[in-house]
Every structure is written in C-alpha cells, then in structure tokens.
Amino acid sequence: MTGRKDPADQGLLAVWISIAVVFSLLAAGVAGLLAWAGGLKPPAAVLTGGGAFLGFMTLGLAIIGIFRSNRH
C-alpha cells in the first residue's frame, strides 16, 4: 500500500481495543472486590481496582501494538 489505512483494519483495531477494555474492567472489578473482601476500606479497594485496570490496559495495548507491528 502507499500509506493508506485500510478501513477494515481500523475497524478491527477498534474491536481489539474494546476487548482489551472489557478484560481490563473485569480484572479491575475482581481486584477491587478481592481487596475489599480482604479488609481494605472502599476507597483503597477502588484504588486497587484502578491500578489493576491501568496495568491490564497497558499490557493489552502493548500486546496489540506488538502484533500490529509484526504484521507489516
């Protein structure tokens, strides 16, 4: 290609990012609930869930980036 982005490729990227967001939210919810069940106060449990979301989202975006760069 001559530098043009394939619209189908952009749509697929959006799907993969959406999947990463869903898994990150799931991990954040589980981490927050486990932290709260383990005795942390709710604000600390929310911060724990937020940290889990950040970590999982960073990992997901890194994996997506690696697979996209290996494709070309």
Protein backbone atom coordinates (compact mmCIF):
# COMPACT_ATOMS: atom_id res chain seq x y z
CA MET A 1 0.00 0.00 0.00
CA THR A 2 1.02 3.60 -0.46
CA GLY A 3 0.46 4.81 3.09
CA ARG A 4 -3.32 4.48 3.06
CA LYS A 5 -5.02 2.89 6.00
CA ASP A 6 -7.40 0.05 5.26
CA PRO A 7 -10.81 0.88 6.79
CA ALA A 8 -11.36 -2.77 7.68
CA ASP A 9 -8.05 -2.78 9.56
CA GLN A 10 -9.10 0.28 11.57
CA GLY A 11 -12.39 -1.39 12.48
CA LEU A 12 -10.55 -4.49 13.62
CA LEU A 13 -8.26 -2.35 15.76
CA ALA A 14 -11.30 -0.86 17.46
CA VAL A 15 -12.60 -4.36 18.22
CA TRP A 16 -9.28 -5.43 19.77
CA ILE A 17 -9.08 -2.27 21.89
CA SER A 18 -12.67 -2.86 23.04
CA ILE A 19 -11.74 -6.41 24.05
CA ALA A 20 -8.75 -5.05 26.00
CA VAL A 21 -11.03 -2.55 27.78
CA VAL A 22 -13.54 -5.26 28.72
CA PHE A 23 -10.84 -7.55 30.14
CA SER A 24 -9.27 -4.62 31.98
CA LEU A 25 -12.61 -3.72 33.55
CA LEU A 26 -13.14 -7.33 34.56
CA ALA A 27 -9.70 -7.50 36.17
CA ALA A 28 -10.29 -4.17 37.93
CA GLY A 29 -13.60 -5.35 39.34
CA VAL A 30 -12.14 -8.62 40.60
CA ALA A 31 -9.11 -6.87 42.12
CA GLY A 32 -11.30 -4.29 43.83
CA LEU A 33 -13.67 -6.89 45.23
CA LEU A 34 -10.83 -9.08 46.47
CA ALA A 35 -9.15 -6.08 48.09
CA TRP A 36 -12.39 -5.08 49.79
CA ALA A 37 -13.06 -8.67 50.90
CA GLY A 38 -9.51 -8.79 52.22
CA GLY A 39 -10.21 -5.95 54.62
CA LEU A 40 -9.30 -2.78 52.75
CA LYS A 41 -11.60 0.20 53.10
CA PRO A 42 -13.67 1.01 49.97
CA PRO A 43 -11.51 3.94 48.78
CA ALA A 44 -8.38 1.79 48.96
CA ALA A 45 -10.17 -1.06 47.19
CA VAL A 46 -11.21 1.32 44.39
CA LEU A 47 -7.60 2.47 44.04
CA THR A 48 -6.51 -1.18 43.87
CA GLY A 49 -9.04 -1.80 41.10
CA GLY A 50 -7.85 1.30 39.27
CA GLY A 51 -4.28 0.08 39.43
CA ALA A 52 -5.34 -3.29 38.06
CA PHE A 53 -7.21 -1.56 35.22
CA LEU A 54 -4.16 0.53 34.38
CA GLY A 55 -1.87 -2.49 34.40
CA PHE A 56 -4.14 -4.68 32.30
CA MET A 57 -4.89 -1.91 29.81
CA THR A 58 -1.19 -1.15 29.39
CA LEU A 59 -0.48 -4.84 28.85
CA GLY A 60 -3.35 -5.18 26.38
CA LEU A 61 -2.29 -2.16 24.33
CA ALA A 62 1.31 -3.35 24.30
CA ILE A 63 0.26 -6.78 23.01
CA ILE A 64 -1.93 -5.19 20.33
CA GLY A 65 0.94 -2.94 19.29
CA ILE A 66 3.37 -5.86 19.08
CA PHE A 67 1.03 -7.91 16.91
CA ARG A 68 0.30 -4.94 14.65
CA SER A 69 3.99 -4.15 14.16
CA ASN A 70 4.83 -7.78 13.35
CA ARG A 71 2.13 -7.86 10.69
CA HIS A 72 3.86 -5.42 8.34
